[in-house]
Amino acid sequence: MVLSQHARFYTRFAILFLITSTTILYYATSKKESISLKTPFYEKQIASKSPDKQYFKNVTKVKTIPVTNEKFDGKVYSFGNRIEKIKLAVVLCGERLNQTVVTLKSAVIFSRKSLHFIIIVDDINHALLKQKLLEWPSAILERLSFEIHPINFPNGSEGDEWKKLFKLCACQRLFLPSILHHIDSLLYVDTDVLFLRPVEELWEHFYRMNSSHIAALCPEHEDFATGWYNRFARHPFYEPLGVNSGVMLMNLTRMRTFQWETYLPSIMKEYRLNIVWGDQDIVNIIFHFHPEKLYLFPCEWNFRPDHCMYSNVCKTAEKNGIAVIHGNRGVFLNNKQPAFKAIFQAMLQYNLEDDPILHFLEPVKLYLKQTVNTNCGKYLSTVISSIHPKILEKTSKR
């Protein structure tokens, strides 16, 4: 009886083993690649760094830019329509991308008119600049257009010399009449310039120029005691105190008629060893011999550390407020002039979607209070009221 039970047990065990091994053998010899019915999901997140935490408050919003607004002819990229707009030009080379964007942002904040940016840029910054501008809010892009050109100097060794004179690509502005043959007039600014009043107010000076004027600039200094050109220049300059080229109204049509660029090679050849401030010195040399071609606008439109570091010498800024602040000599980024750096930091942190009064004007006032131990800090703290809230209210309600 016991043997019979054992026999049945081993028989069943053998049958189970046979079935199991057969099944395993079947799947092992007929295995195919498995195909998942689920499509893999890849999530792409694009986020730009910004000191302003409010930047991401509308991160779920989708901004659509009409493709028809963009054009690229293989050389020049353009966005929007530039017809009947104030034209603002900058040159971007090297590591000045963020500073350039802040400059353009300041123009947008205060302007009540449509703007057209003309940006001459090196290869390394072209795509990055385009991306940063197209990330701006749709409400801004609707009243903005821009064109991005490649750096363009004369060919050969002469072009290399122009490119490296003073600061990288700074001399590019000298060749704008031929590069931008389709543009009649523009406002050129350095990339260390911030607007504190509407761009169109400076543009109005075009209408105050007479038929002989080809450009407009601000004096380099306001007094002889601290003037650089009248004390140290070893080349001709616009008298009596020279001019600063960081903010320049340019009537390109008249400059072409004047044959502006034909003067450049001979000036470079004769004064190359005496030039200290690069393209600015060349501009001074030209207008020394042709003073009737230059219109002067007041220092409030090109306010620099020299206007306040020793004493307050820009009288029109005391009366009308500062319209454009120029952080030359790197004062927006270094610690030599904390008041200038404070204004730049406030503009850097400001987000175009935020209230400009609350998120720009108020921080500026707070930052400047920390700089009143310097001459420029004291001065700027008092005249910053020139940024009148009514101006910002109009821009924030556009």
Protein backbone atom coordinates (compact mmCIF):
# COMPACT_ATOMS: atom_id res chain seq x y z
CA MET A 1 0.00 0.00 0.00
CA VAL A 2 2.80 2.35 0.93
CA LEU A 3 4.77 1.40 -2.16
CA SER A 4 1.72 2.09 -4.31
CA GLN A 5 1.35 5.60 -2.85
CA HIS A 6 5.04 6.29 -3.43
CA ALA A 7 4.72 5.18 -7.02
CA ARG A 8 1.78 7.50 -7.68
CA PHE A 9 3.69 10.42 -6.07
CA TYR A 10 6.78 9.91 -8.22
CA THR A 11 4.64 9.47 -11.31
CA ARG A 12 2.86 12.80 -10.73
CA PHE A 13 6.16 14.50 -9.93
CA ALA A 14 7.68 13.22 -13.17
CA ILE A 15 4.69 14.41 -15.21
CA LEU A 16 4.84 17.90 -13.58
CA PHE A 17 8.59 18.11 -14.21
CA LEU A 18 8.09 17.10 -17.85
CA ILE A 19 5.40 19.77 -18.42
CA THR A 20 7.45 22.49 -16.72
CA SER A 21 10.66 21.71 -18.60
CA THR A 22 8.79 21.55 -21.90
CA THR A 23 7.24 24.96 -21.28
CA ILE A 24 10.60 26.51 -20.37
CA LEU A 25 12.23 24.98 -23.44
CA TYR A 26 9.48 26.34 -25.68
CA TYR A 27 9.87 29.94 -24.50
CA ALA A 28 13.64 29.70 -24.55
CA THR A 29 13.75 28.60 -28.19
CA SER A 30 10.97 30.86 -29.53
CA LYS A 31 11.68 34.14 -27.64
CA LYS A 32 11.15 37.39 -29.60
CA GLU A 33 11.96 40.99 -28.83
CA SER A 34 9.30 42.43 -26.57
CA ILE A 35 7.54 45.58 -27.77
CA SER A 36 6.24 48.00 -25.21
CA LEU A 37 2.86 49.46 -25.94
CA LYS A 38 3.75 52.48 -23.90
CA THR A 39 5.60 55.26 -25.72
CA PRO A 40 8.44 56.69 -23.60
CA PHE A 41 7.70 60.20 -22.35
CA TYR A 42 10.43 62.83 -22.42
CA GLU A 43 9.88 66.11 -20.67
CA LYS A 44 11.96 69.11 -21.78
CA GLN A 45 12.22 72.03 -19.41
CA ILE A 46 13.65 75.34 -20.54
CA ALA A 47 14.28 77.88 -17.80
CA SER A 48 16.53 80.96 -17.82
CA LYS A 49 18.24 82.06 -14.65
CA SER A 50 16.94 85.26 -13.15
CA PRO A 51 17.63 86.91 -9.81
CA ASP A 52 13.96 87.92 -9.68
CA LYS A 53 11.89 85.09 -8.17
CA GLN A 54 8.78 86.56 -9.75
CA TYR A 55 10.14 85.51 -13.13
CA PHE A 56 8.67 82.02 -12.80
CA LYS A 57 5.24 82.97 -11.50
CA ASN A 58 3.69 82.53 -14.96
CA VAL A 59 5.85 79.61 -16.01
CA THR A 60 2.84 77.61 -17.20
CA LYS A 61 1.90 80.22 -19.76
CA VAL A 62 2.74 79.40 -23.37
CA LYS A 63 4.08 82.23 -25.53
CA THR A 64 3.59 81.82 -29.25
CA ILE A 65 5.63 83.94 -31.64
CA PRO A 66 4.28 84.11 -35.20
CA VAL A 67 6.76 82.50 -37.58
CA THR A 68 5.96 85.15 -40.18
CA ASN A 69 7.66 87.75 -37.96
CA GLU A 70 11.05 86.11 -38.45
CA LYS A 71 13.38 86.31 -41.44
CA PHE A 72 16.92 85.15 -42.10
CA ASP A 73 18.69 85.81 -45.38
CA GLY A 74 21.78 83.80 -44.53
CA LYS A 75 23.51 86.79 -42.98
CA VAL A 76 21.04 89.01 -41.15
CA TYR A 77 18.30 87.77 -38.81
CA SER A 78 15.28 90.04 -38.44
CA PHE A 79 12.18 89.93 -36.28
CA GLY A 80 9.10 92.14 -36.63
CA ASN A 81 8.59 95.25 -38.71
CA ARG A 82 10.93 98.23 -38.35
CA ILE A 83 8.78 100.75 -40.23
CA GLU A 84 8.33 104.09 -38.43
CA LYS A 85 10.16 103.04 -35.29
CA ILE A 86 12.91 104.57 -33.21
CA LYS A 87 16.11 102.73 -34.08
CA LEU A 88 18.57 101.84 -31.32
CA ALA A 89 21.93 100.25 -32.20
CA VAL A 90 24.47 98.38 -30.07
CA VAL A 91 27.58 96.30 -30.80
CA LEU A 92 28.10 93.06 -28.87
CA CYS A 93 31.40 91.19 -28.71
CA GLY A 94 32.98 88.87 -26.19
CA GLU A 95 31.55 88.53 -22.69
CA ARG A 96 29.06 91.41 -22.75
CA LEU A 97 25.90 89.47 -23.57
CA ASN A 98 24.09 89.98 -20.26
CA GLN A 99 25.12 93.61 -20.04
CA THR A 100 23.81 94.21 -23.56
CA VAL A 101 20.45 92.62 -22.75
CA VAL A 102 20.15 94.83 -19.66
CA THR A 103 20.86 97.91 -21.80
CA LEU A 104 18.10 96.94 -24.24
CA LYS A 105 15.76 96.11 -21.36
CA SER A 106 16.20 99.60 -19.92
CA ALA A 107 15.18 101.11 -23.25
CA VAL A 108 12.03 98.98 -23.31
CA ILE A 109 11.01 99.81 -19.74
CA PHE A 110 10.80 103.56 -20.24
CA SER A 111 9.87 103.88 -23.90
CA ARG A 112 6.26 104.52 -24.87
CA LYS A 113 7.02 104.20 -28.58
CA SER A 114 7.77 101.18 -30.73
CA LEU A 115 11.48 100.39 -30.85
CA HIS A 116 13.68 98.77 -33.46
CA PHE A 117 16.96 97.28 -32.22
CA ILE A 118 19.94 96.98 -34.55
CA ILE A 119 22.53 94.68 -33.03
CA ILE A 120 25.95 93.96 -34.53
CA VAL A 121 27.14 90.77 -32.86
CA ASP A 122 29.99 88.26 -33.03
CA ASP A 123 29.35 84.61 -33.88
CA ILE A 124 29.57 83.29 -30.33
CA ASN A 125 26.74 85.55 -29.07
CA HIS A 126 24.39 85.49 -32.07
CA ALA A 127 22.15 82.56 -31.10
CA LEU A 128 22.24 83.37 -27.38
CA LEU A 129 21.17 86.97 -27.93
CA LYS A 130 18.34 85.96 -30.24
CA GLN A 131 17.10 83.44 -27.67
CA LYS A 132 17.15 85.95 -24.82
CA LEU A 133 15.21 88.56 -26.80
CA LEU A 134 12.57 86.10 -27.99
CA GLU A 135 12.01 85.00 -24.38
CA TRP A 136 10.70 88.47 -23.54
CA PRO A 137 6.95 88.76 -22.84
CA SER A 138 4.64 88.84 -25.86
CA ALA A 139 3.36 92.28 -24.87
CA ILE A 140 6.91 93.61 -25.26
CA LEU A 141 7.63 91.78 -28.52
CA GLU A 142 4.45 93.16 -30.07
CA ARG A 143 5.88 96.68 -30.04
CA LEU A 144 9.46 95.64 -30.72
CA SER A 145 11.45 94.62 -33.77
CA PHE A 146 15.11 93.91 -34.22
CA GLU A 147 17.76 92.86 -36.70
CA ILE A 148 20.97 91.03 -35.84
CA HIS A 149 24.00 91.57 -38.08
CA PRO A 150 27.39 89.83 -38.00
CA ILE A 151 30.51 91.80 -37.10
CA ASN A 152 31.82 93.44 -40.26
CA PHE A 153 35.23 95.11 -40.51
CA PRO A 154 37.38 95.82 -43.59
CA ASN A 155 39.13 92.75 -44.94
CA GLY A 156 42.73 91.83 -44.23
CA SER A 157 45.16 93.01 -41.58
CA GLU A 158 43.59 96.47 -41.55
CA GLY A 159 40.30 94.98 -40.39
CA ASP A 160 42.04 93.05 -37.60
CA GLU A 161 43.66 96.27 -36.41
CA TRP A 162 40.31 98.07 -36.31
CA LYS A 163 38.67 95.18 -34.48
CA LYS A 164 41.24 95.13 -31.68
CA LEU A 165 41.68 98.88 -31.26
CA PHE A 166 40.82 99.92 -27.67
CA LYS A 167 38.06 97.44 -26.69
CA LEU A 168 37.05 94.43 -28.76
CA CYS A 169 34.77 95.54 -31.63
CA ALA A 170 34.31 99.05 -30.16
CA CYS A 171 35.33 100.58 -33.50
CA GLN A 172 32.49 98.81 -35.30
CA ARG A 173 30.32 101.92 -34.85
CA LEU A 174 32.67 103.83 -37.16
CA PHE A 175 31.56 101.61 -40.04
CA LEU A 176 27.81 101.70 -39.44
CA PRO A 177 27.11 104.05 -42.39
CA SER A 178 28.23 101.38 -44.88
CA ILE A 179 27.04 98.32 -42.95
CA LEU A 180 23.53 99.72 -42.42
CA HIS A 181 23.02 101.25 -45.85
CA HIS A 182 19.26 100.71 -45.51
CA ILE A 183 19.01 102.84 -42.34
CA ASP A 184 18.62 106.63 -42.42
CA SER A 185 19.21 107.51 -38.75
CA LEU A 186 19.80 105.70 -35.47
CA LEU A 187 20.78 106.11 -31.85
CA TYR A 188 23.96 104.24 -30.97
CA VAL A 189 24.81 103.38 -27.36
CA ASP A 190 27.60 101.44 -25.68
CA THR A 191 26.63 98.26 -23.86
CA ASP A 192 27.34 99.90 -20.49
CA VAL A 193 24.50 102.39 -20.85
CA LEU A 194 21.11 102.40 -19.08
CA PHE A 195 18.09 104.51 -19.96
CA LEU A 196 16.24 106.22 -17.14
CA ARG A 197 13.90 108.22 -19.38
CA PRO A 198 12.08 107.39 -22.63
CA VAL A 199 14.34 106.87 -25.65
CA GLU A 200 12.06 109.05 -27.75
CA GLU A 201 13.02 112.11 -25.71
CA LEU A 202 16.62 111.76 -26.86
CA TRP A 203 15.43 110.96 -30.38
CA GLU A 204 13.75 114.38 -30.43
CA HIS A 205 17.20 115.96 -30.70
CA PHE A 206 17.33 114.77 -34.31
CA TYR A 207 14.70 117.40 -35.06
CA ARG A 208 16.79 120.10 -33.39
CA MET A 209 19.81 119.43 -35.58
CA ASN A 210 20.38 121.71 -38.54
CA SER A 211 20.97 120.53 -42.10
CA SER A 212 24.76 120.46 -41.60
CA HIS A 213 24.81 118.21 -38.56
CA ILE A 214 25.65 114.56 -39.21
CA ALA A 215 25.80 113.40 -35.57
CA ALA A 216 25.11 114.45 -31.98
CA LEU A 217 27.21 113.78 -28.87
CA CYS A 218 27.69 114.87 -25.28
CA PRO A 219 30.83 116.71 -24.08
CA GLU A 220 33.44 114.49 -22.46
CA HIS A 221 33.77 116.87 -19.52
CA GLU A 222 32.00 119.87 -18.07
CA ASP A 223 34.96 121.72 -16.54
CA PHE A 224 38.57 122.38 -17.51
CA ALA A 225 40.00 121.35 -14.14
CA THR A 226 39.15 117.67 -14.60
CA GLY A 227 39.05 117.50 -18.40
CA TRP A 228 41.13 114.77 -20.00
CA TYR A 229 41.40 115.94 -23.59
CA ASN A 230 42.35 119.53 -22.78
CA ARG A 231 45.09 118.33 -20.41
CA PHE A 232 46.47 115.10 -21.85
CA ALA A 233 45.44 114.46 -25.47
CA ARG A 234 48.27 114.24 -28.01
CA HIS A 235 45.98 114.48 -30.99
CA PRO A 236 43.36 116.97 -32.21
CA PHE A 237 39.98 116.81 -30.45
CA TYR A 238 36.64 118.57 -30.49
CA GLU A 239 37.20 121.74 -28.50
CA PRO A 240 37.10 122.81 -25.82
CA LEU A 241 36.75 119.57 -23.80
CA GLY A 242 36.25 116.78 -26.30
CA VAL A 243 33.18 114.57 -26.74
CA ASN A 244 32.17 111.17 -25.37
CA SER A 245 31.05 108.62 -27.96
CA GLY A 246 29.10 106.28 -25.65
CA VAL A 247 25.75 107.77 -26.66
CA MET A 248 25.59 108.99 -30.25
CA LEU A 249 22.80 110.12 -32.55
CA MET A 250 23.90 109.25 -36.09
CA ASN A 251 22.31 110.50 -39.30
CA LEU A 252 23.75 107.76 -41.48
CA THR A 253 22.45 109.29 -44.71
CA ARG A 254 24.35 112.51 -44.05
CA MET A 255 27.41 110.60 -42.86
CA ARG A 256 27.47 108.69 -46.14
CA THR A 257 27.17 111.95 -48.06
CA PHE A 258 30.00 113.37 -45.93
CA GLN A 259 32.01 110.22 -46.87
CA TRP A 260 32.70 109.54 -43.23
CA GLU A 261 34.57 106.28 -43.71
CA THR A 262 37.07 107.74 -46.17
CA TYR A 263 38.59 109.73 -43.29
CA LEU A 264 39.27 106.69 -41.14
CA PRO A 265 42.36 105.13 -42.78
CA SER A 266 44.34 108.38 -42.90
CA ILE A 267 43.46 109.21 -39.28
CA MET A 268 44.52 105.76 -38.14
CA LYS A 269 47.78 106.03 -40.05
CA GLU A 270 48.70 109.47 -38.70
CA TYR A 271 47.51 109.23 -35.09
CA ARG A 272 47.64 105.50 -34.31
CA LEU A 273 50.39 105.82 -31.70
CA ASN A 274 48.70 108.79 -29.99
CA ILE A 275 45.23 107.29 -29.65
CA VAL A 276 44.27 106.31 -26.09
CA TRP A 277 40.48 105.93 -26.15
CA GLY A 278 40.18 104.14 -29.47
CA ASP A 279 37.22 105.02 -31.64
CA GLN A 280 36.25 107.92 -29.38
CA ASP A 281 39.55 109.63 -30.16
CA ILE A 282 38.94 109.11 -33.88
CA VAL A 283 35.50 110.69 -33.57
CA ASN A 284 37.09 113.64 -31.76
CA ILE A 285 39.70 114.05 -34.48
CA ILE A 286 37.08 114.14 -37.23
CA PHE A 287 34.94 116.72 -35.46
CA HIS A 288 37.98 118.81 -34.57
CA PHE A 289 38.39 119.48 -38.28
CA HIS A 290 34.63 119.60 -38.96
CA PRO A 291 33.02 121.12 -35.83
CA GLU A 292 30.09 122.44 -37.84
CA LYS A 293 28.99 118.85 -38.45
CA LEU A 294 28.40 118.08 -34.77
CA TYR A 295 25.39 118.84 -32.58
CA LEU A 296 25.83 118.75 -28.79
CA PHE A 297 23.18 117.47 -26.39
CA PRO A 298 23.38 117.99 -22.60
CA CYS A 299 25.20 115.75 -20.11
CA GLU A 300 21.96 114.43 -18.57
CA TRP A 301 21.83 112.13 -21.63
CA ASN A 302 25.26 110.64 -20.93
CA PHE A 303 25.80 110.83 -17.18
CA ARG A 304 29.11 109.26 -16.09
CA PRO A 305 31.12 108.93 -12.86
CA ASP A 306 33.18 111.97 -13.85
CA HIS A 307 30.04 114.06 -13.39
CA CYS A 308 29.79 113.28 -9.69
CA MET A 309 32.91 111.60 -8.28
CA TYR A 310 34.64 114.87 -7.35
CA SER A 311 31.80 117.36 -7.48
CA ASN A 312 28.43 117.69 -9.17
CA VAL A 313 29.29 119.20 -12.55
CA CYS A 314 26.31 118.17 -14.71
CA LYS A 315 24.01 121.12 -14.17
CA THR A 316 21.26 119.96 -16.53
CA ALA A 317 20.95 116.71 -14.54
CA GLU A 318 20.38 118.75 -11.38
CA LYS A 319 17.60 120.59 -13.17
CA ASN A 320 16.03 117.86 -15.33
CA GLY A 321 17.21 114.63 -13.71
CA ILE A 322 19.39 111.91 -15.21
CA ALA A 323 18.10 110.54 -18.50
CA VAL A 324 20.89 108.11 -19.43
CA ILE A 325 23.48 106.70 -17.04
CA HIS A 326 26.76 105.51 -18.54
CA GLY A 327 28.79 103.05 -16.49
CA ASN A 328 32.10 103.46 -18.31
CA ARG A 329 35.33 102.08 -16.86
CA GLY A 330 33.43 99.01 -15.73
CA VAL A 331 31.65 100.70 -12.80
CA PHE A 332 28.45 98.70 -13.35
CA LEU A 333 30.35 95.55 -12.45
CA ASN A 334 33.25 96.55 -10.19
CA ASN A 335 33.11 98.23 -6.78
CA LYS A 336 34.69 101.57 -7.67
CA GLN A 337 31.35 103.41 -7.86
CA PRO A 338 28.75 101.55 -5.73
CA ALA A 339 25.93 103.90 -6.74
CA PHE A 340 26.33 103.08 -10.44
CA LYS A 341 26.54 99.38 -9.64
CA ALA A 342 23.38 99.64 -7.51
CA ILE A 343 21.34 101.04 -10.40
CA PHE A 344 22.66 98.38 -12.74
CA GLN A 345 21.82 95.60 -10.27
CA ALA A 346 18.26 96.88 -9.91
CA MET A 347 17.85 96.89 -13.69
CA LEU A 348 19.43 93.45 -13.98
CA GLN A 349 17.02 91.98 -11.43
CA TYR A 350 13.93 93.65 -12.84
CA ASN A 351 11.61 91.36 -14.78
CA LEU A 352 9.72 92.82 -17.72
CA GLU A 353 6.46 91.22 -16.55
CA ASP A 354 6.57 92.96 -13.17
CA ASP A 355 5.42 96.39 -12.03
CA PRO A 356 8.36 98.76 -12.76
CA ILE A 357 7.54 101.03 -9.84
CA LEU A 358 7.51 98.24 -7.28
CA HIS A 359 10.24 96.06 -8.77
CA PHE A 360 12.65 98.63 -10.22
CA LEU A 361 12.17 102.13 -8.85
CA GLU A 362 11.75 101.11 -5.22
CA PRO A 363 14.77 98.74 -5.19
CA VAL A 364 16.90 101.48 -6.78
CA LYS A 365 16.03 103.86 -3.97
CA LEU A 366 16.86 101.24 -1.35
CA TYR A 367 20.16 100.30 -2.97
CA LEU A 368 21.24 103.92 -3.31
CA LYS A 369 20.66 104.58 0.39
CA GLN A 370 23.54 102.20 1.03
CA THR A 371 25.91 104.29 -1.11
CA VAL A 372 25.42 107.77 0.38
CA ASN A 373 28.92 107.61 1.86
CA THR A 374 30.24 108.32 -1.66
CA ASN A 375 29.92 111.55 -3.65
CA CYS A 376 28.10 109.85 -6.51
CA GLY A 377 25.89 107.98 -4.04
CA LYS A 378 24.75 111.19 -2.39
CA TYR A 379 24.13 112.86 -5.72
CA LEU A 380 22.30 109.97 -7.36
CA SER A 381 20.13 109.43 -4.30
CA THR A 382 18.78 112.94 -4.69
CA VAL A 383 18.37 113.07 -8.47
CA ILE A 384 16.95 109.55 -8.86
CA SER A 385 13.58 111.20 -8.36
CA SER A 386 14.00 112.05 -12.05
CA ILE A 387 12.56 108.59 -12.66
CA HIS A 388 9.09 109.91 -12.10
CA PRO A 389 6.47 107.28 -11.19
CA LYS A 390 4.11 108.71 -13.83
CA ILE A 391 6.56 107.65 -16.55
CA LEU A 392 6.68 104.11 -15.24
CA GLU A 393 2.91 104.01 -14.75
CA LYS A 394 2.45 104.73 -18.45
CA THR A 395 4.90 102.04 -19.46
CA SER A 396 3.41 99.44 -17.11
CA LYS A 397 -0.11 99.99 -18.52
CA ARG A 398 0.82 99.53 -22.16
